[in-house]
Amino acid sequence: MRCAAPDKSWSALITVVRGYRQPTTTPAAGDRFGLLAGVPYQLGDAELTPTWVTNLYRGLADLAPWRLAAAHRGWREGRQARGLPIHDPVVLFGLGGVGAARKPKVALESTEDGPLLCLIYTGGSAVLPYPHWTVPADLTARLYGWQPSIRQPA
C-alpha cells in the first residue's frame, strides 16, 4: 500500500513534516491540512474529527522529524535482512475512533524528497517502534546540561 497523491484522497492528509506551514486562512473541507486545524477532510468523517485531531496532535507531539529518514531506512534494512516483505508505508500510530477492521493510521513513507507522513487505512498491527521516530526522552535534560551520574559504556 502506498500513500496516495495529495490531491487524490485524504491519504496524504499530512505532508512532508519539514514542509508544513500553519495555514494563514481557515481551511475548508477537502483541504489536506484541514485535519491539523480541526476541519474534517470529508463530510462523512466529520463526527470522527475531534477524536482524530486529538490523537493526531498527541502522536505528533513527540515526533522528531530529523529521525524519520533514519527510522524508515533502519526499518527497511531490518526487514530485508530477515527476508521479510517490505510494505510501504510503515505505520507510526493510529487515530482511533473506528470500530472497523481497517483503521486510520499515520504512516511513514520514504520518497525522493524525503520522509512523508500520510494517513492510511490498514488492518495490520505492525508499527515502527516508538523510540525510533520520537524525541529521545533525555534530550531536554541534556540540552540543559544534565549529565548521567552512571558511567555509560563506550
N, C-alpha and C. Protein backbone atom coordinates (compact mmCIF):
# COMPACT_ATOMS: atom_id res chain seq x y z
N MET A 1 0.85 -1.17 0.00
CA MET A 1 0.00 0.00 0.00
C MET A 1 0.89 1.24 0.00
N ARG A 2 0.61 2.15 -0.89
CA ARG A 2 1.39 3.38 -0.98
C ARG A 2 0.51 4.55 -0.59
N CYS A 3 1.14 5.61 -0.14
CA CYS A 3 0.39 6.83 0.15
C CYS A 3 -0.15 7.39 -1.15
N ALA A 4 -1.37 7.83 -1.14
CA ALA A 4 -1.97 8.41 -2.34
C ALA A 4 -1.41 9.80 -2.57
N ALA A 5 -1.50 10.24 -3.80
CA ALA A 5 -1.09 11.61 -4.11
C ALA A 5 -1.96 12.58 -3.33
N PRO A 6 -1.41 13.73 -2.92
CA PRO A 6 -2.16 14.66 -2.07
C PRO A 6 -3.52 15.06 -2.61
N ASP A 7 -3.68 15.15 -3.93
CA ASP A 7 -4.96 15.58 -4.46
C ASP A 7 -5.90 14.42 -4.77
N LYS A 8 -5.49 13.18 -4.53
CA LYS A 8 -6.31 12.02 -4.87
C LYS A 8 -7.24 11.59 -3.74
N SER A 9 -6.77 11.59 -2.51
CA SER A 9 -7.61 11.19 -1.38
C SER A 9 -7.02 11.78 -0.12
N TRP A 10 -7.67 11.55 0.97
CA TRP A 10 -7.13 12.16 2.17
C TRP A 10 -6.06 11.29 2.79
N SER A 11 -5.52 10.33 2.02
CA SER A 11 -4.40 9.52 2.47
C SER A 11 -3.14 10.36 2.63
N ALA A 12 -3.07 11.48 1.94
CA ALA A 12 -1.90 12.34 2.06
C ALA A 12 -2.26 13.59 2.85
N LEU A 13 -3.05 13.40 3.87
CA LEU A 13 -3.52 14.47 4.71
C LEU A 13 -2.39 15.27 5.35
N ILE A 14 -1.36 14.57 5.73
CA ILE A 14 -0.22 15.23 6.35
C ILE A 14 0.90 15.18 5.34
N THR A 15 1.47 16.28 5.01
CA THR A 15 2.53 16.29 4.01
C THR A 15 3.88 16.18 4.70
N VAL A 16 4.93 16.33 3.94
CA VAL A 16 6.27 16.22 4.49
C VAL A 16 6.40 17.15 5.69
N VAL A 17 6.88 16.64 6.80
CA VAL A 17 6.94 17.39 8.05
C VAL A 17 7.68 18.71 7.87
N ARG A 18 8.79 18.68 7.20
CA ARG A 18 9.58 19.90 7.07
C ARG A 18 8.90 20.94 6.20
N GLY A 19 7.87 20.54 5.45
CA GLY A 19 7.20 21.48 4.55
C GLY A 19 5.89 22.02 5.09
N TYR A 20 5.46 21.60 6.27
CA TYR A 20 4.18 22.07 6.79
C TYR A 20 4.29 23.49 7.32
N ARG A 21 3.33 24.30 6.93
CA ARG A 21 3.21 25.66 7.46
C ARG A 21 1.78 25.84 7.93
N GLN A 22 1.60 26.49 9.04
CA GLN A 22 0.25 26.76 9.55
C GLN A 22 -0.51 27.57 8.50
N PRO A 23 -1.70 27.14 8.10
CA PRO A 23 -2.46 27.90 7.11
C PRO A 23 -2.75 29.31 7.63
N THR A 24 -2.71 30.28 6.73
CA THR A 24 -2.98 31.66 7.12
C THR A 24 -4.47 31.96 7.08
N THR A 25 -5.24 31.11 6.41
CA THR A 25 -6.69 31.26 6.38
C THR A 25 -7.32 30.00 6.96
N THR A 26 -8.58 30.08 7.27
CA THR A 26 -9.28 28.91 7.80
C THR A 26 -9.43 27.88 6.69
N PRO A 27 -8.96 26.64 6.92
CA PRO A 27 -9.08 25.62 5.87
C PRO A 27 -10.53 25.24 5.61
N ALA A 28 -10.82 24.91 4.38
CA ALA A 28 -12.15 24.43 4.01
C ALA A 28 -12.14 22.91 4.00
N ALA A 29 -13.32 22.31 4.03
CA ALA A 29 -13.40 20.85 3.92
C ALA A 29 -12.73 20.44 2.62
N GLY A 30 -11.95 19.38 2.66
CA GLY A 30 -11.23 18.93 1.48
C GLY A 30 -9.79 19.41 1.45
N ASP A 31 -9.45 20.38 2.27
CA ASP A 31 -8.07 20.85 2.36
C ASP A 31 -7.25 19.79 3.07
N ARG A 32 -6.13 19.39 2.49
CA ARG A 32 -5.37 18.29 3.09
C ARG A 32 -4.73 18.67 4.41
N PHE A 33 -4.64 19.96 4.75
CA PHE A 33 -4.12 20.37 6.04
C PHE A 33 -5.25 20.63 7.03
N GLY A 34 -6.47 20.47 6.58
CA GLY A 34 -7.62 20.79 7.40
C GLY A 34 -7.69 20.05 8.72
N LEU A 35 -7.34 18.76 8.73
CA LEU A 35 -7.43 17.99 9.97
C LEU A 35 -6.52 18.58 11.04
N LEU A 36 -5.38 19.11 10.64
CA LEU A 36 -4.47 19.73 11.61
C LEU A 36 -5.13 20.94 12.28
N ALA A 37 -6.09 21.56 11.58
CA ALA A 37 -6.80 22.72 12.12
C ALA A 37 -8.18 22.34 12.66
N GLY A 38 -8.52 21.03 12.64
CA GLY A 38 -9.79 20.59 13.17
C GLY A 38 -10.93 20.56 12.18
N VAL A 39 -10.63 20.69 10.90
CA VAL A 39 -11.65 20.66 9.86
C VAL A 39 -11.66 19.27 9.23
N PRO A 40 -12.83 18.61 9.13
CA PRO A 40 -12.85 17.27 8.53
C PRO A 40 -12.45 17.34 7.06
N TYR A 41 -11.74 16.32 6.62
CA TYR A 41 -11.34 16.28 5.22
C TYR A 41 -12.54 15.96 4.34
N GLN A 42 -13.37 15.03 4.80
CA GLN A 42 -14.59 14.68 4.09
C GLN A 42 -15.75 14.80 5.08
N LEU A 43 -16.88 15.23 4.60
CA LEU A 43 -18.01 15.42 5.50
C LEU A 43 -18.43 14.12 6.17
N GLY A 44 -18.22 12.98 5.51
CA GLY A 44 -18.55 11.70 6.11
C GLY A 44 -17.71 11.38 7.33
N ASP A 45 -16.57 12.03 7.48
CA ASP A 45 -15.68 11.81 8.61
C ASP A 45 -15.84 12.86 9.71
N ALA A 46 -16.81 13.74 9.56
CA ALA A 46 -16.95 14.88 10.48
C ALA A 46 -17.09 14.47 11.93
N GLU A 47 -17.86 13.43 12.22
CA GLU A 47 -18.07 13.04 13.62
C GLU A 47 -16.80 12.47 14.25
N LEU A 48 -15.85 11.99 13.45
CA LEU A 48 -14.61 11.45 13.97
C LEU A 48 -13.51 12.50 14.11
N THR A 49 -13.73 13.67 13.53
CA THR A 49 -12.69 14.69 13.51
C THR A 49 -12.15 15.05 14.90
N PRO A 50 -12.98 15.29 15.92
CA PRO A 50 -12.41 15.64 17.23
C PRO A 50 -11.48 14.55 17.78
N THR A 51 -11.87 13.29 17.63
CA THR A 51 -11.03 12.19 18.10
C THR A 51 -9.74 12.13 17.31
N TRP A 52 -9.84 12.25 15.99
CA TRP A 52 -8.65 12.17 15.15
C TRP A 52 -7.70 13.33 15.40
N VAL A 53 -8.25 14.53 15.57
CA VAL A 53 -7.40 15.70 15.83
C VAL A 53 -6.65 15.52 17.14
N THR A 54 -7.35 15.09 18.18
CA THR A 54 -6.72 14.86 19.48
C THR A 54 -5.61 13.83 19.37
N ASN A 55 -5.89 12.70 18.73
CA ASN A 55 -4.89 11.64 18.61
C ASN A 55 -3.76 12.03 17.66
N LEU A 56 -4.07 12.83 16.65
CA LEU A 56 -3.03 13.30 15.73
C LEU A 56 -2.04 14.18 16.46
N TYR A 57 -2.55 15.15 17.21
CA TYR A 57 -1.65 16.04 17.95
C TYR A 57 -0.89 15.28 19.04
N ARG A 58 -1.55 14.33 19.69
CA ARG A 58 -0.88 13.52 20.71
C ARG A 58 0.25 12.70 20.07
N GLY A 59 -0.01 12.12 18.91
CA GLY A 59 1.00 11.32 18.23
C GLY A 59 2.15 12.14 17.68
N LEU A 60 1.84 13.36 17.22
CA LEU A 60 2.89 14.21 16.65
C LEU A 60 3.67 15.00 17.69
N ALA A 61 3.18 15.03 18.93
CA ALA A 61 3.81 15.83 19.98
C ALA A 61 5.28 15.47 20.20
N ASP A 62 5.60 14.19 20.16
CA ASP A 62 6.97 13.75 20.39
C ASP A 62 7.72 13.40 19.11
N LEU A 63 7.13 13.70 17.96
CA LEU A 63 7.75 13.39 16.68
C LEU A 63 9.07 14.12 16.53
N ALA A 64 10.08 13.41 16.10
CA ALA A 64 11.39 14.01 15.83
C ALA A 64 11.63 13.95 14.32
N PRO A 65 11.31 15.01 13.58
CA PRO A 65 11.42 14.98 12.13
C PRO A 65 12.82 14.61 11.63
N TRP A 66 13.85 14.98 12.38
CA TRP A 66 15.22 14.67 11.96
C TRP A 66 15.54 13.18 12.06
N ARG A 67 14.68 12.41 12.71
CA ARG A 67 14.91 10.97 12.87
C ARG A 67 14.12 10.12 11.88
N LEU A 68 13.19 10.72 11.14
CA LEU A 68 12.29 9.94 10.30
C LEU A 68 13.01 9.18 9.19
N ALA A 69 13.91 9.83 8.48
CA ALA A 69 14.61 9.16 7.36
C ALA A 69 15.40 7.96 7.87
N ALA A 70 16.14 8.14 8.96
CA ALA A 70 16.94 7.04 9.51
C ALA A 70 16.04 5.93 10.06
N ALA A 71 14.92 6.30 10.65
CA ALA A 71 13.99 5.29 11.18
C ALA A 71 13.43 4.44 10.05
N HIS A 72 13.04 5.08 8.96
CA HIS A 72 12.50 4.33 7.83
C HIS A 72 13.58 3.46 7.19
N ARG A 73 14.77 4.00 7.04
CA ARG A 73 15.88 3.23 6.46
C ARG A 73 16.21 2.02 7.34
N GLY A 74 16.27 2.20 8.65
CA GLY A 74 16.55 1.11 9.57
C GLY A 74 15.47 0.04 9.53
N TRP A 75 14.22 0.47 9.45
CA TRP A 75 13.11 -0.48 9.35
C TRP A 75 13.21 -1.29 8.07
N ARG A 76 13.48 -0.60 6.95
CA ARG A 76 13.59 -1.27 5.65
C ARG A 76 14.75 -2.26 5.64
N GLU A 77 15.91 -1.84 6.15
CA GLU A 77 17.09 -2.73 6.17
C GLU A 77 16.86 -3.93 7.08
N GLY A 78 16.19 -3.71 8.21
CA GLY A 78 15.90 -4.82 9.11
C GLY A 78 14.98 -5.85 8.48
N ARG A 79 13.98 -5.38 7.74
CA ARG A 79 13.08 -6.30 7.04
C ARG A 79 13.82 -7.07 5.95
N GLN A 80 14.67 -6.36 5.21
CA GLN A 80 15.44 -7.02 4.14
C GLN A 80 16.38 -8.07 4.71
N ALA A 81 17.05 -7.76 5.81
CA ALA A 81 17.99 -8.69 6.42
C ALA A 81 17.30 -9.98 6.88
N ARG A 82 16.04 -9.88 7.28
CA ARG A 82 15.30 -11.05 7.74
C ARG A 82 14.54 -11.75 6.61
N GLY A 83 14.62 -11.20 5.41
CA GLY A 83 13.92 -11.78 4.27
C GLY A 83 12.42 -11.56 4.32
N LEU A 84 11.98 -10.53 5.05
CA LEU A 84 10.55 -10.23 5.17
C LEU A 84 10.12 -9.24 4.09
N PRO A 85 8.86 -9.30 3.69
CA PRO A 85 8.39 -8.35 2.68
C PRO A 85 8.39 -6.92 3.24
N ILE A 86 8.62 -5.98 2.36
CA ILE A 86 8.64 -4.57 2.75
C ILE A 86 7.35 -3.93 2.28
N HIS A 87 6.53 -3.55 3.23
CA HIS A 87 5.27 -2.88 2.92
C HIS A 87 5.46 -1.40 3.21
N ASP A 88 5.36 -0.61 2.18
CA ASP A 88 5.49 0.82 2.34
C ASP A 88 4.10 1.40 2.30
N PRO A 89 3.72 2.30 3.10
CA PRO A 89 4.45 2.91 4.20
C PRO A 89 4.35 2.08 5.48
N VAL A 90 5.16 2.46 6.48
CA VAL A 90 5.15 1.77 7.76
C VAL A 90 4.39 2.65 8.77
N VAL A 91 3.53 2.03 9.55
CA VAL A 91 2.64 2.74 10.48
C VAL A 91 3.41 3.27 11.69
N LEU A 92 3.10 4.52 12.07
CA LEU A 92 3.65 5.11 13.29
C LEU A 92 2.65 4.99 14.44
N PHE A 93 1.40 5.42 14.21
CA PHE A 93 0.37 5.35 15.24
C PHE A 93 -1.01 5.47 14.61
N GLY A 94 -2.02 5.03 15.35
CA GLY A 94 -3.39 5.08 14.86
C GLY A 94 -4.13 6.30 15.38
N LEU A 95 -5.23 6.64 14.69
CA LEU A 95 -6.04 7.79 15.09
C LEU A 95 -7.27 7.40 15.90
N GLY A 96 -7.65 6.13 15.88
CA GLY A 96 -8.76 5.67 16.71
C GLY A 96 -10.12 6.10 16.24
N GLY A 97 -11.12 5.75 17.04
CA GLY A 97 -12.49 6.15 16.78
C GLY A 97 -13.26 5.29 15.81
N VAL A 98 -12.61 4.30 15.19
CA VAL A 98 -13.26 3.47 14.18
C VAL A 98 -13.29 2.03 14.68
N GLY A 99 -14.46 1.39 14.59
CA GLY A 99 -14.59 0.02 15.03
C GLY A 99 -14.35 -1.00 13.93
N ALA A 100 -14.18 -0.53 12.70
CA ALA A 100 -13.96 -1.44 11.56
C ALA A 100 -12.58 -2.08 11.65
N ALA A 101 -12.39 -3.14 10.87
CA ALA A 101 -11.10 -3.83 10.87
C ALA A 101 -9.99 -2.94 10.33
N ARG A 102 -10.29 -2.18 9.28
CA ARG A 102 -9.29 -1.26 8.72
C ARG A 102 -9.43 0.09 9.41
N LYS A 103 -8.39 0.49 10.10
CA LYS A 103 -8.43 1.71 10.90
C LYS A 103 -7.51 2.78 10.31
N PRO A 104 -7.84 4.07 10.55
CA PRO A 104 -6.98 5.14 10.06
C PRO A 104 -5.71 5.23 10.92
N LYS A 105 -4.58 5.28 10.25
CA LYS A 105 -3.30 5.35 10.95
C LYS A 105 -2.36 6.31 10.23
N VAL A 106 -1.52 6.97 10.98
CA VAL A 106 -0.49 7.83 10.41
C VAL A 106 0.70 6.94 10.10
N ALA A 107 1.20 7.03 8.87
CA ALA A 107 2.28 6.15 8.43
C ALA A 107 3.41 6.98 7.83
N LEU A 108 4.56 6.35 7.77
CA LEU A 108 5.78 6.98 7.25
C LEU A 108 6.19 6.29 5.97
N GLU A 109 6.42 7.09 4.95
CA GLU A 109 6.90 6.58 3.67
C GLU A 109 8.13 7.37 3.28
N SER A 110 9.03 6.74 2.59
CA SER A 110 10.24 7.41 2.12
C SER A 110 10.06 7.75 0.65
N THR A 111 10.29 9.02 0.30
CA THR A 111 10.19 9.47 -1.08
C THR A 111 11.52 10.08 -1.49
N GLU A 112 11.63 10.43 -2.76
CA GLU A 112 12.86 11.09 -3.23
C GLU A 112 13.08 12.42 -2.54
N ASP A 113 11.99 13.08 -2.16
CA ASP A 113 12.08 14.38 -1.49
C ASP A 113 12.31 14.29 0.00
N GLY A 114 12.25 13.09 0.56
CA GLY A 114 12.45 12.91 1.99
C GLY A 114 11.27 12.16 2.60
N PRO A 115 11.21 12.11 3.93
CA PRO A 115 10.13 11.39 4.60
C PRO A 115 8.78 12.04 4.34
N LEU A 116 7.76 11.20 4.23
CA LEU A 116 6.41 11.68 4.00
C LEU A 116 5.49 11.01 5.02
N LEU A 117 4.76 11.81 5.77
CA LEU A 117 3.75 11.28 6.68
C LEU A 117 2.42 11.29 5.93
N CYS A 118 1.69 10.20 6.04
CA CYS A 118 0.41 10.13 5.36
C CYS A 118 -0.59 9.37 6.22
N LEU A 119 -1.84 9.49 5.86
CA LEU A 119 -2.90 8.78 6.56
C LEU A 119 -3.34 7.62 5.69
N ILE A 120 -3.31 6.42 6.25
CA ILE A 120 -3.74 5.24 5.51
C ILE A 120 -4.76 4.48 6.35
N TYR A 121 -5.50 3.61 5.72
CA TYR A 121 -6.40 2.69 6.41
C TYR A 121 -5.77 1.31 6.30
N THR A 122 -5.57 0.66 7.41
CA THR A 122 -4.98 -0.67 7.39
C THR A 122 -5.54 -1.51 8.53
N GLY A 123 -5.56 -2.81 8.32
CA GLY A 123 -5.99 -3.74 9.35
C GLY A 123 -4.82 -4.36 10.08
N GLY A 124 -3.60 -4.04 9.65
CA GLY A 124 -2.41 -4.60 10.27
C GLY A 124 -2.11 -3.99 11.63
N SER A 125 -1.34 -4.71 12.43
CA SER A 125 -0.99 -4.22 13.75
C SER A 125 0.48 -3.83 13.87
N ALA A 126 1.26 -4.03 12.82
CA ALA A 126 2.69 -3.71 12.87
C ALA A 126 2.89 -2.20 12.87
N VAL A 127 3.77 -1.73 13.74
CA VAL A 127 4.11 -0.30 13.81
C VAL A 127 5.62 -0.15 13.95
N LEU A 128 6.12 0.99 13.52
CA LEU A 128 7.53 1.32 13.72
C LEU A 128 7.71 1.61 15.20
N PRO A 129 8.68 1.00 15.87
CA PRO A 129 8.85 1.23 17.31
C PRO A 129 8.96 2.72 17.67
N TYR A 130 8.23 3.10 18.69
CA TYR A 130 8.15 4.49 19.15
C TYR A 130 9.51 5.16 19.35
N PRO A 131 10.49 4.50 19.98
CA PRO A 131 11.78 5.17 20.20
C PRO A 131 12.55 5.51 18.92
N HIS A 132 12.19 4.90 17.81
CA HIS A 132 12.91 5.16 16.56
C HIS A 132 12.53 6.48 15.90
N TRP A 133 11.34 7.00 16.17
CA TRP A 133 10.87 8.19 15.47
C TRP A 133 10.46 9.34 16.39
N THR A 134 10.73 9.20 17.68
CA THR A 134 10.35 10.25 18.62
C THR A 134 11.58 10.92 19.22
N VAL A 135 11.33 12.03 19.89
CA VAL A 135 12.39 12.77 20.57
C VAL A 135 12.91 11.90 21.71
N PRO A 136 14.24 11.74 21.82
CA PRO A 136 14.78 10.94 22.93
C PRO A 136 14.33 11.49 24.28
N ALA A 137 14.00 10.62 25.20
CA ALA A 137 13.45 11.02 26.50
C ALA A 137 14.37 11.96 27.27
N ASP A 138 15.66 11.80 27.13
CA ASP A 138 16.59 12.63 27.90
C ASP A 138 17.12 13.84 27.13
N LEU A 139 16.59 14.13 25.95
CA LEU A 139 17.12 15.23 25.14
C LEU A 139 17.01 16.57 25.85
N THR A 140 15.84 16.88 26.40
CA THR A 140 15.65 18.17 27.07
C THR A 140 16.62 18.32 28.24
N ALA A 141 16.75 17.28 29.04
CA ALA A 141 17.66 17.34 30.18
C ALA A 141 19.10 17.56 29.71
N ARG A 142 19.50 16.88 28.68
CA ARG A 142 20.87 17.03 28.17
C ARG A 142 21.10 18.42 27.58
N LEU A 143 20.08 18.98 26.94
CA LEU A 143 20.21 20.33 26.40
C LEU A 143 20.40 21.36 27.50
N TYR A 144 19.88 21.06 28.70
CA TYR A 144 20.04 21.95 29.83
C TYR A 144 21.26 21.59 30.68
N GLY A 145 22.12 20.72 30.17
CA GLY A 145 23.38 20.44 30.84
C GLY A 145 23.42 19.22 31.73
N TRP A 146 22.34 18.46 31.84
CA TRP A 146 22.34 17.28 32.69
C TRP A 146 23.28 16.23 32.12
N GLN A 147 24.04 15.63 32.99
CA GLN A 147 24.91 14.52 32.62
C GLN A 147 24.58 13.33 33.51
N PRO A 148 24.47 12.15 32.95
CA PRO A 148 24.14 10.98 33.79
C PRO A 148 25.24 10.72 34.80
N SER A 149 24.84 10.31 36.02
CA SER A 149 25.82 10.03 37.06
C SER A 149 26.37 8.61 36.94
N ILE A 150 25.69 7.79 36.16
CA ILE A 150 26.14 6.41 35.94
C ILE A 150 27.03 6.38 34.72
N ARG A 151 28.14 5.73 34.84
CA ARG A 151 29.08 5.65 33.73
C ARG A 151 28.43 4.91 32.56
N GLN A 152 28.52 5.50 31.38
CA GLN A 152 27.93 4.91 30.19
C GLN A 152 28.98 4.08 29.45
N PRO A 153 28.58 2.93 28.92
CA PRO A 153 29.54 2.12 28.17
C PRO A 153 30.02 2.84 26.93
N ALA A 154 31.27 2.65 26.59
CA ALA A 154 31.85 3.33 25.43
C ALA A 154 31.48 2.66 24.15
